[in-house]
Amino acid sequence: MEETEPVVDITAVPELRRIVDRVRASRIPVILRTEDGEVAKIVPLRLRRAERLKTQEDFEEFRAAFGSWNDVDTEELKVRAKRARASRRRLSDL
């Protein structure tokens, strides 16, 4: 059985909500401290790849890479890949 972490709704706590919004925007964790010392750490959740919002920079990088294999002979690439997979030679250490 998988245990889940407790969930606390912070909608009605504006100061905490402001801190959480800052952490979400900056993607930088924040440590909460009292007079007794550090008590909690707010860490941004990792978004699944599909949930991550695409930025304009993401689209520009995609467009820049488009066609970058234009000068590669794909048939020769397939032959070399097949030959490399069939080889029993040990791969060289990097």
PDB file of N, CA and C in Angstrom:
ATOM      1  N   MET A   1       0.832  -1.170   0.000  1.00  0.00           N
ATOM      2  CA  MET A   1       0.000   0.000   0.000  1.00  0.00           C
ATOM      3  C   MET A   1       0.884   1.244   0.000  1.00  0.00           C
ATOM      4  N   GLU A   2       0.604   2.154  -0.893  1.00  0.00           N
ATOM      5  CA  GLU A   2       1.410   3.367  -1.009  1.00  0.00           C
ATOM      6  C   GLU A   2       0.848   4.452  -0.104  1.00  0.00           C
ATOM      7  N   GLU A   3       1.703   5.028   0.735  1.00  0.00           N
ATOM      8  CA  GLU A   3       1.272   6.114   1.607  1.00  0.00           C
ATOM      9  C   GLU A   3       1.393   7.425   0.854  1.00  0.00           C
ATOM     10  N   THR A   4       0.414   8.294   1.066  1.00  0.00           N
ATOM     11  CA  THR A   4       0.474   9.610   0.441  1.00  0.00           C
ATOM     12  C   THR A   4       0.709  10.657   1.509  1.00  0.00           C
ATOM     13  N   GLU A   5       1.290  11.743   1.095  1.00  0.00           N
ATOM     14  CA  GLU A   5       1.547  12.831   2.023  1.00  0.00           C
ATOM     15  C   GLU A   5       0.258  13.598   2.264  1.00  0.00           C
ATOM     16  N   PRO A   6       0.070  14.124   3.472  1.00  0.00           N
ATOM     17  CA  PRO A   6      -1.148  14.890   3.735  1.00  0.00           C
ATOM     18  C   PRO A   6      -1.174  16.166   2.894  1.00  0.00           C
ATOM     19  N   VAL A   7      -2.369  16.569   2.503  1.00  0.00           N
ATOM     20  CA  VAL A   7      -2.554  17.766   1.687  1.00  0.00           C
ATOM     21  C   VAL A   7      -3.238  18.830   2.533  1.00  0.00           C
ATOM     22  N   VAL A   8      -2.711  20.054   2.486  1.00  0.00           N
ATOM     23  CA  VAL A   8      -3.285  21.171   3.226  1.00  0.00           C
ATOM     24  C   VAL A   8      -3.684  22.246   2.226  1.00  0.00           C
ATOM     25  N   ASP A   9      -4.946  22.640   2.262  1.00  0.00           N
ATOM     26  CA  ASP A   9      -5.431  23.699   1.365  1.00  0.00           C
ATOM     27  C   ASP A   9      -5.016  25.051   1.934  1.00  0.00           C
ATOM     28  N   ILE A  10      -4.243  25.816   1.184  1.00  0.00           N
ATOM     29  CA  ILE A  10      -3.740  27.111   1.661  1.00  0.00           C
ATOM     30  C   ILE A  10      -4.465  28.284   1.018  1.00  0.00           C
ATOM     31  N   THR A  11      -5.588  28.024   0.393  1.00  0.00           N
ATOM     32  CA  THR A  11      -6.337  29.080  -0.295  1.00  0.00           C
ATOM     33  C   THR A  11      -6.676  30.233   0.640  1.00  0.00           C
ATOM     34  N   ALA A  12      -7.033  29.930   1.874  1.00  0.00           N
ATOM     35  CA  ALA A  12      -7.463  30.964   2.822  1.00  0.00           C
ATOM     36  C   ALA A  12      -6.304  31.570   3.619  1.00  0.00           C
ATOM     37  N   VAL A  13      -5.057  31.240   3.262  1.00  0.00           N
ATOM     38  CA  VAL A  13      -3.897  31.780   3.983  1.00  0.00           C
ATOM     39  C   VAL A  13      -3.073  32.607   2.990  1.00  0.00           C
ATOM     40  N   PRO A  14      -3.422  33.889   2.838  1.00  0.00           N
ATOM     41  CA  PRO A  14      -2.800  34.700   1.782  1.00  0.00           C
ATOM     42  C   PRO A  14      -1.277  34.817   1.862  1.00  0.00           C
ATOM     43  N   GLU A  15      -0.720  34.940   3.041  1.00  0.00           N
ATOM     44  CA  GLU A  15       0.737  35.098   3.153  1.00  0.00           C
ATOM     45  C   GLU A  15       1.456  33.829   2.701  1.00  0.00           C
ATOM     46  N   LEU A  16       0.945  32.675   3.122  1.00  0.00           N
ATOM     47  CA  LEU A  16       1.545  31.411   2.686  1.00  0.00           C
ATOM     48  C   LEU A  16       1.342  31.225   1.183  1.00  0.00           C
ATOM     49  N   ARG A  17       0.175  31.605   0.691  1.00  0.00           N
ATOM     50  CA  ARG A  17      -0.119  31.501  -0.745  1.00  0.00           C
ATOM     51  C   ARG A  17       0.867  32.350  -1.553  1.00  0.00           C
ATOM     52  N   ARG A  18       1.194  33.540  -1.042  1.00  0.00           N
ATOM     53  CA  ARG A  18       2.152  34.422  -1.728  1.00  0.00           C
ATOM     54  C   ARG A  18       3.526  33.764  -1.799  1.00  0.00           C
ATOM     55  N   ILE A  19       3.949  33.135  -0.709  1.00  0.00           N
ATOM     56  CA  ILE A  19       5.249  32.443  -0.685  1.00  0.00           C
ATOM     57  C   ILE A  19       5.247  31.283  -1.667  1.00  0.00           C
ATOM     58  N   VAL A  20       4.171  30.513  -1.666  1.00  0.00           N
ATOM     59  CA  VAL A  20       4.069  29.370  -2.564  1.00  0.00           C
ATOM     60  C   VAL A  20       4.088  29.823  -4.027  1.00  0.00           C
ATOM     61  N   ASP A  21       3.391  30.904  -4.325  1.00  0.00           N
ATOM     62  CA  ASP A  21       3.396  31.429  -5.703  1.00  0.00           C
ATOM     63  C   ASP A  21       4.801  31.854  -6.116  1.00  0.00           C
ATOM     64  N   ARG A  22       5.550  32.437  -5.170  1.00  0.00           N
ATOM     65  CA  ARG A  22       6.931  32.846  -5.460  1.00  0.00           C
ATOM     66  C   ARG A  22       7.811  31.629  -5.735  1.00  0.00           C
ATOM     67  N   VAL A  23       7.641  30.570  -4.926  1.00  0.00           N
ATOM     68  CA  VAL A  23       8.419  29.339  -5.125  1.00  0.00           C
ATOM     69  C   VAL A  23       8.076  28.713  -6.476  1.00  0.00           C
ATOM     70  N   ARG A  24       6.794  28.672  -6.800  1.00  0.00           N
ATOM     71  CA  ARG A  24       6.368  28.090  -8.077  1.00  0.00           C
ATOM     72  C   ARG A  24       6.954  28.868  -9.254  1.00  0.00           C
ATOM     73  N   ALA A  25       6.947  30.183  -9.176  1.00  0.00           N
ATOM     74  CA  ALA A  25       7.446  31.007 -10.276  1.00  0.00           C
ATOM     75  C   ALA A  25       8.961  30.923 -10.425  1.00  0.00           C
ATOM     76  N   SER A  26       9.680  30.927  -9.299  1.00  0.00           N
ATOM     77  CA  SER A  26      11.144  30.946  -9.354  1.00  0.00           C
ATOM     78  C   SER A  26      11.751  29.549  -9.439  1.00  0.00           C
ATOM     79  N   ARG A  27      10.970  28.515  -9.043  1.00  0.00           N
ATOM     80  CA  ARG A  27      11.437  27.130  -8.988  1.00  0.00           C
ATOM     81  C   ARG A  27      12.589  26.977  -7.985  1.00  0.00           C
ATOM     82  N   ILE A  28      12.667  27.881  -7.000  1.00  0.00           N
ATOM     83  CA  ILE A  28      13.710  27.842  -5.970  1.00  0.00           C
ATOM     84  C   ILE A  28      13.053  27.547  -4.618  1.00  0.00           C
ATOM     85  N   PRO A  29      13.520  26.513  -3.893  1.00  0.00           N
ATOM     86  CA  PRO A  29      12.939  26.182  -2.586  1.00  0.00           C
ATOM     87  C   PRO A  29      13.112  27.322  -1.580  1.00  0.00           C
ATOM     88  N   VAL A  30      12.196  27.367  -0.604  1.00  0.00           N
ATOM     89  CA  VAL A  30      12.239  28.366   0.465  1.00  0.00           C
ATOM     90  C   VAL A  30      12.143  27.629   1.799  1.00  0.00           C
ATOM     91  N   ILE A  31      12.974  28.037   2.763  1.00  0.00           N
ATOM     92  CA  ILE A  31      12.950  27.440   4.099  1.00  0.00           C
ATOM     93  C   ILE A  31      12.131  28.357   5.004  1.00  0.00           C
ATOM     94  N   LEU A  32      11.198  27.751   5.745  1.00  0.00           N
ATOM     95  CA  LEU A  32      10.399  28.508   6.711  1.00  0.00           C
ATOM     96  C   LEU A  32      11.074  28.411   8.072  1.00  0.00           C
ATOM     97  N   ARG A  33      11.197  29.544   8.738  1.00  0.00           N
ATOM     98  CA  ARG A  33      11.927  29.600   9.999  1.00  0.00           C
ATOM     99  C   ARG A  33      11.060  30.286  11.060  1.00  0.00           C
ATOM    100  N   THR A  34      11.150  29.808  12.287  1.00  0.00           N
ATOM    101  CA  THR A  34      10.539  30.465  13.443  1.00  0.00           C
ATOM    102  C   THR A  34      11.658  30.819  14.412  1.00  0.00           C
ATOM    103  N   GLU A  35      11.275  31.351  15.566  1.00  0.00           N
ATOM    104  CA  GLU A  35      12.303  31.674  16.559  1.00  0.00           C
ATOM    105  C   GLU A  35      13.009  30.413  17.065  1.00  0.00           C
ATOM    106  N   ASP A  36      12.376  29.248  16.876  1.00  0.00           N
ATOM    107  CA  ASP A  36      12.978  27.975  17.286  1.00  0.00           C
ATOM    108  C   ASP A  36      13.914  27.385  16.238  1.00  0.00           C
ATOM    109  N   GLY A  37      13.952  27.979  15.072  1.00  0.00           N
ATOM    110  CA  GLY A  37      14.816  27.481  14.008  1.00  0.00           C
ATOM    111  C   GLY A  37      14.026  27.133  12.756  1.00  0.00           C
ATOM    112  N   GLU A  38      14.667  26.426  11.858  1.00  0.00           N
ATOM    113  CA  GLU A  38      14.032  26.045  10.599  1.00  0.00           C
ATOM    114  C   GLU A  38      13.008  24.947  10.857  1.00  0.00           C
ATOM    115  N   VAL A  39      11.809  25.124  10.294  1.00  0.00           N
ATOM    116  CA  VAL A  39      10.733  24.172  10.585  1.00  0.00           C
ATOM    117  C   VAL A  39      10.180  23.467   9.347  1.00  0.00           C
ATOM    118  N   ALA A  40      10.347  24.061   8.183  1.00  0.00           N
ATOM    119  CA  ALA A  40       9.783  23.441   6.985  1.00  0.00           C
ATOM    120  C   ALA A  40      10.497  23.978   5.751  1.00  0.00           C
ATOM    121  N   LYS A  41      10.355  23.236   4.674  1.00  0.00           N
ATOM    122  CA  LYS A  41      10.941  23.648   3.407  1.00  0.00           C
ATOM    123  C   LYS A  41       9.860  23.524   2.340  1.00  0.00           C
ATOM    124  N   ILE A  42       9.628  24.597   1.616  1.00  0.00           N
ATOM    125  CA  ILE A  42       8.669  24.577   0.510  1.00  0.00           C
ATOM    126  C   ILE A  42       9.458  24.377  -0.769  1.00  0.00           C
ATOM    127  N   VAL A  43       9.172  23.277  -1.440  1.00  0.00           N
ATOM    128  CA  VAL A  43       9.909  22.904  -2.649  1.00  0.00           C
ATOM    129  C   VAL A  43       8.928  22.813  -3.807  1.00  0.00           C
ATOM    130  N   PRO A  44       9.271  23.386  -4.954  1.00  0.00           N
ATOM    131  CA  PRO A  44       8.354  23.279  -6.094  1.00  0.00           C
ATOM    132  C   PRO A  44       8.237  21.838  -6.565  1.00  0.00           C
ATOM    133  N   LEU A  45       7.030  21.433  -6.894  1.00  0.00           N
ATOM    134  CA  LEU A  45       6.820  20.088  -7.409  1.00  0.00           C
ATOM    135  C   LEU A  45       7.377  19.986  -8.809  1.00  0.00           C
ATOM    136  N   ARG A  46       7.884  18.823  -9.149  1.00  0.00           N
ATOM    137  CA  ARG A  46       8.365  18.590 -10.508  1.00  0.00           C
ATOM    138  C   ARG A  46       7.164  18.275 -11.380  1.00  0.00           C
ATOM    139  N   LEU A  47       7.072  18.975 -12.473  1.00  0.00           N
ATOM    140  CA  LEU A  47       5.984  18.711 -13.407  1.00  0.00           C
ATOM    141  C   LEU A  47       6.383  17.572 -14.323  1.00  0.00           C
ATOM    142  N   ARG A  48       5.429  16.753 -14.660  1.00  0.00           N
ATOM    143  CA  ARG A  48       5.703  15.731 -15.659  1.00  0.00           C
ATOM    144  C   ARG A  48       5.998  16.440 -16.959  1.00  0.00           C
ATOM    145  N   ARG A  49       6.759  15.796 -17.799  1.00  0.00           N
ATOM    146  CA  ARG A  49       7.166  16.414 -19.060  1.00  0.00           C
ATOM    147  C   ARG A  49       5.961  16.919 -19.856  1.00  0.00           C
ATOM    148  N   ALA A  50       4.894  16.127 -19.871  1.00  0.00           N
ATOM    149  CA  ALA A  50       3.709  16.519 -20.630  1.00  0.00           C
ATOM    150  C   ALA A  50       2.999  17.711 -19.992  1.00  0.00           C
ATOM    151  N   GLU A  51       3.156  17.897 -18.683  1.00  0.00           N
ATOM    152  CA  GLU A  51       2.481  18.989 -17.994  1.00  0.00           C
ATOM    153  C   GLU A  51       3.267  20.294 -18.050  1.00  0.00           C
ATOM    154  N   ARG A  52       4.553  20.195 -18.356  1.00  0.00           N
ATOM    155  CA  ARG A  52       5.381  21.398 -18.384  1.00  0.00           C
ATOM    156  C   ARG A  52       4.929  22.290 -19.523  1.00  0.00           C
ATOM    157  N   LEU A  53       4.721  23.549 -19.229  1.00  0.00           N
ATOM    158  CA  LEU A  53       4.289  24.471 -20.259  1.00  0.00           C
ATOM    159  C   LEU A  53       5.437  24.785 -21.202  1.00  0.00           C
ATOM    160  N   LYS A  54       5.147  24.796 -22.461  1.00  0.00           N
ATOM    161  CA  LYS A  54       6.166  25.112 -23.462  1.00  0.00           C
ATOM    162  C   LYS A  54       6.360  26.628 -23.507  1.00  0.00           C
ATOM    163  N   THR A  55       7.606  27.033 -23.568  1.00  0.00           N
ATOM    164  CA  THR A  55       7.918  28.453 -23.652  1.00  0.00           C
ATOM    165  C   THR A  55       8.262  28.806 -25.096  1.00  0.00           C
ATOM    166  N   GLN A  56       8.346  30.086 -25.344  1.00  0.00           N
ATOM    167  CA  GLN A  56       8.735  30.547 -26.679  1.00  0.00           C
ATOM    168  C   GLN A  56      10.137  30.039 -27.012  1.00  0.00           C
ATOM    169  N   GLU A  57      11.003  29.976 -26.006  1.00  0.00           N
ATOM    170  CA  GLU A  57      12.361  29.471 -26.207  1.00  0.00           C
ATOM    171  C   GLU A  57      12.338  27.995 -26.637  1.00  0.00           C
ATOM    172  N   ASP A  58      11.425  27.208 -26.046  1.00  0.00           N
ATOM    173  CA  ASP A  58      11.293  25.802 -26.442  1.00  0.00           C
ATOM    174  C   ASP A  58      10.954  25.686 -27.925  1.00  0.00           C
ATOM    175  N   PHE A  59      10.006  26.503 -28.381  1.00  0.00           N
ATOM    176  CA  PHE A  59       9.602  26.466 -29.782  1.00  0.00           C
ATOM    177  C   PHE A  59      10.739  26.912 -30.707  1.00  0.00           C
ATOM    178  N   GLU A  60      11.485  27.931 -30.284  1.00  0.00           N
ATOM    179  CA  GLU A  60      12.605  28.410 -31.103  1.00  0.00           C
ATOM    180  C   GLU A  60      13.696  27.342 -31.220  1.00  0.00           C
ATOM    181  N   GLU A  61      13.977  26.635 -30.121  1.00  0.00           N
ATOM    182  CA  GLU A  61      14.979  25.565 -30.164  1.00  0.00           C
ATOM    183  C   GLU A  61      14.524  24.429 -31.066  1.00  0.00           C
ATOM    184  N   PHE A  62      13.239  24.104 -31.003  1.00  0.00           N
ATOM    185  CA  PHE A  62      12.703  23.058 -31.870  1.00  0.00           C
ATOM    186  C   PHE A  62      12.854  23.451 -33.339  1.00  0.00           C
ATOM    187  N   ARG A  63      12.487  24.682 -33.658  1.00  0.00           N
ATOM    188  CA  ARG A  63      12.586  25.139 -35.053  1.00  0.00           C
ATOM    189  C   ARG A  63      14.044  25.169 -35.525  1.00  0.00           C
ATOM    190  N   ALA A  64      14.955  25.533 -34.622  1.00  0.00           N
ATOM    191  CA  ALA A  64      16.375  25.585 -34.991  1.00  0.00           C
ATOM    192  C   ALA A  64      16.906  24.191 -35.299  1.00  0.00           C
ATOM    193  N   ALA A  65      16.405  23.178 -34.604  1.00  0.00           N
ATOM    194  CA  ALA A  65      16.870  21.809 -34.818  1.00  0.00           C
ATOM    195  C   ALA A  65      16.213  21.156 -36.029  1.00  0.00           C
ATOM    196  N   PHE A  66      15.092  21.686 -36.450  1.00  0.00           N
ATOM    197  CA  PHE A  66      14.356  21.103 -37.574  1.00  0.00           C
ATOM    198  C   PHE A  66      15.229  21.100 -38.823  1.00  0.00           C
ATOM    199  N   GLY A  67      15.379  19.963 -39.437  1.00  0.00           N
ATOM    200  CA  GLY A  67      16.172  19.848 -40.652  1.00  0.00           C
ATOM    201  C   GLY A  67      17.660  19.694 -40.411  1.00  0.00           C
ATOM    202  N   SER A  68      18.076  19.557 -39.152  1.00  0.00           N
ATOM    203  CA  SER A  68      19.511  19.478 -38.865  1.00  0.00           C
ATOM    204  C   SER A  68      20.127  18.164 -39.344  1.00  0.00           C
ATOM    205  N   TRP A  69      19.307  17.169 -39.659  1.00  0.00           N
ATOM    206  CA  TRP A  69      19.807  15.899 -40.184  1.00  0.00           C
ATOM    207  C   TRP A  69      19.714  15.879 -41.704  1.00  0.00           C
ATOM    208  N   ASN A  70      19.504  17.009 -42.293  1.00  0.00           N
ATOM    209  CA  ASN A  70      19.327  17.123 -43.743  1.00  0.00           C
ATOM    210  C   ASN A  70      20.491  16.555 -44.544  1.00  0.00           C
ATOM    211  N   ASP A  71      21.698  16.764 -44.060  1.00  0.00           N
ATOM    212  CA  ASP A  71      22.884  16.360 -44.813  1.00  0.00           C
ATOM    213  C   ASP A  71      23.346  14.933 -44.486  1.00  0.00           C
ATOM    214  N   VAL A  72      22.567  14.187 -43.694  1.00  0.00           N
ATOM    215  CA  VAL A  72      22.943  12.827 -43.305  1.00  0.00           C
ATOM    216  C   VAL A  72      22.302  11.827 -44.266  1.00  0.00           C
ATOM    217  N   ASP A  73      23.127  10.914 -44.753  1.00  0.00           N
ATOM    218  CA  ASP A  73      22.620   9.834 -45.612  1.00  0.00           C
ATOM    219  C   ASP A  73      21.973   8.809 -44.692  1.00  0.00           C
ATOM    220  N   THR A  74      20.648   8.815 -44.624  1.00  0.00           N
ATOM    221  CA  THR A  74      19.939   7.965 -43.663  1.00  0.00           C
ATOM    222  C   THR A  74      20.112   6.476 -43.959  1.00  0.00           C
ATOM    223  N   GLU A  75      20.222   6.124 -45.231  1.00  0.00           N
ATOM    224  CA  GLU A  75      20.413   4.706 -45.560  1.00  0.00           C
ATOM    225  C   GLU A  75      21.760   4.218 -45.055  1.00  0.00           C
ATOM    226  N   GLU A  76      22.794   5.025 -45.218  1.00  0.00           N
ATOM    227  CA  GLU A  76      24.126   4.678 -44.706  1.00  0.00           C
ATOM    228  C   GLU A  76      24.104   4.622 -43.177  1.00  0.00           C
ATOM    229  N   LEU A  77      23.391   5.529 -42.547  1.00  0.00           N
ATOM    230  CA  LEU A  77      23.264   5.542 -41.097  1.00  0.00           C
ATOM    231  C   LEU A  77      22.609   4.248 -40.603  1.00  0.00           C
ATOM    232  N   LYS A  78      21.575   3.797 -41.280  1.00  0.00           N
ATOM    233  CA  LYS A  78      20.901   2.555 -40.912  1.00  0.00           C
ATOM    234  C   LYS A  78      21.841   1.353 -41.043  1.00  0.00           C
ATOM    235  N   VAL A  79      22.615   1.308 -42.125  1.00  0.00           N
ATOM    236  CA  VAL A  79      23.557   0.204 -42.351  1.00  0.00           C
ATOM    237  C   VAL A  79      24.600   0.178 -41.235  1.00  0.00           C
ATOM    238  N   ARG A  80      25.150   1.347 -40.903  1.00  0.00           N
ATOM    239  CA  ARG A  80      26.166   1.414 -39.846  1.00  0.00           C
ATOM    240  C   ARG A  80      25.594   1.026 -38.488  1.00  0.00           C
ATOM    241  N   ALA A  81      24.382   1.464 -38.205  1.00  0.00           N
ATOM    242  CA  ALA A  81      23.758   1.127 -36.923  1.00  0.00           C
ATOM    243  C   ALA A  81      23.515  -0.375 -36.831  1.00  0.00           C
ATOM    244  N   LYS A  82      23.038  -0.977 -37.915  1.00  0.00           N
ATOM    245  CA  LYS A  82      22.779  -2.413 -37.924  1.00  0.00           C
ATOM    246  C   LYS A  82      24.082  -3.190 -37.744  1.00  0.00           C
ATOM    247  N   ARG A  83      25.129  -2.734 -38.420  1.00  0.00           N
ATOM    248  CA  ARG A  83      26.430  -3.385 -38.310  1.00  0.00           C
ATOM    249  C   ARG A  83      26.979  -3.261 -36.880  1.00  0.00           C
ATOM    250  N   ALA A  84      26.808  -2.106 -36.267  1.00  0.00           N
ATOM    251  CA  ALA A  84      27.315  -1.891 -34.911  1.00  0.00           C
ATOM    252  C   ALA A  84      26.568  -2.761 -33.903  1.00  0.00           C
ATOM    253  N   ARG A  85      25.272  -2.926 -34.099  1.00  0.00           N
ATOM    254  CA  ARG A  85      24.483  -3.768 -33.190  1.00  0.00           C
ATOM    255  C   ARG A  85      24.854  -5.238 -33.323  1.00  0.00           C
ATOM    256  N   ALA A  86      25.233  -5.657 -34.520  1.00  0.00           N
ATOM    257  CA  ALA A  86      25.572  -7.059 -34.760  1.00  0.00           C
ATOM    258  C   ALA A  86      26.990  -7.392 -34.320  1.00  0.00           C
ATOM    259  N   SER A  87      27.812  -6.385 -34.159  1.00  0.00           N
ATOM    260  CA  SER A  87      29.213  -6.605 -33.801  1.00  0.00           C
ATOM    261  C   SER A  87      29.339  -7.139 -32.378  1.00  0.00           C
ATOM    262  N   ARG A  88      30.271  -8.031 -32.177  1.00  0.00           N
ATOM    263  CA  ARG A  88      30.533  -8.573 -30.843  1.00  0.00           C
ATOM    264  C   ARG A  88      31.686  -7.834 -30.170  1.00  0.00           C
ATOM    265  N   ARG A  89      32.246  -6.852 -30.876  1.00  0.00           N
ATOM    266  CA  ARG A  89      33.346  -6.078 -30.302  1.00  0.00           C
ATOM    267  C   ARG A  89      32.858  -5.293 -29.108  1.00  0.00           C
ATOM    268  N   ARG A  90      33.727  -5.217 -28.107  1.00  0.00           N
ATOM    269  CA  ARG A  90      33.406  -4.451 -26.913  1.00  0.00           C
ATOM    270  C   ARG A  90      33.486  -2.967 -27.245  1.00  0.00           C
ATOM    271  N   LEU A  91      32.525  -2.197 -26.740  1.00  0.00           N
ATOM    272  CA  LEU A  91      32.551  -0.766 -26.961  1.00  0.00           C
ATOM    273  C   LEU A  91      33.740  -0.154 -26.228  1.00  0.00           C
ATOM    274  N   SER A  92      34.337   0.845 -26.810  1.00  0.00           N
ATOM    275  CA  SER A  92      35.474   1.475 -26.172  1.00  0.00           C
ATOM    276  C   SER A  92      35.039   2.262 -24.956  1.00  0.00           C
ATOM    277  N   ASP A  93      35.910   2.317 -23.958  1.00  0.00           N
ATOM    278  CA  ASP A  93      35.615   3.088 -22.750  1.00  0.00           C
ATOM    279  C   ASP A  93      35.806   4.562 -23.061  1.00  0.00           C
ATOM    280  N   LEU A  94      34.959   5.343 -22.492  1.00  0.00           N
ATOM    281  CA  LEU A  94      35.072   6.800 -22.689  1.00  0.00           C
ATOM    282  C   LEU A  94      35.824   7.422 -21.570  1.00  0.00           C
TER     283      LEU A  94
END
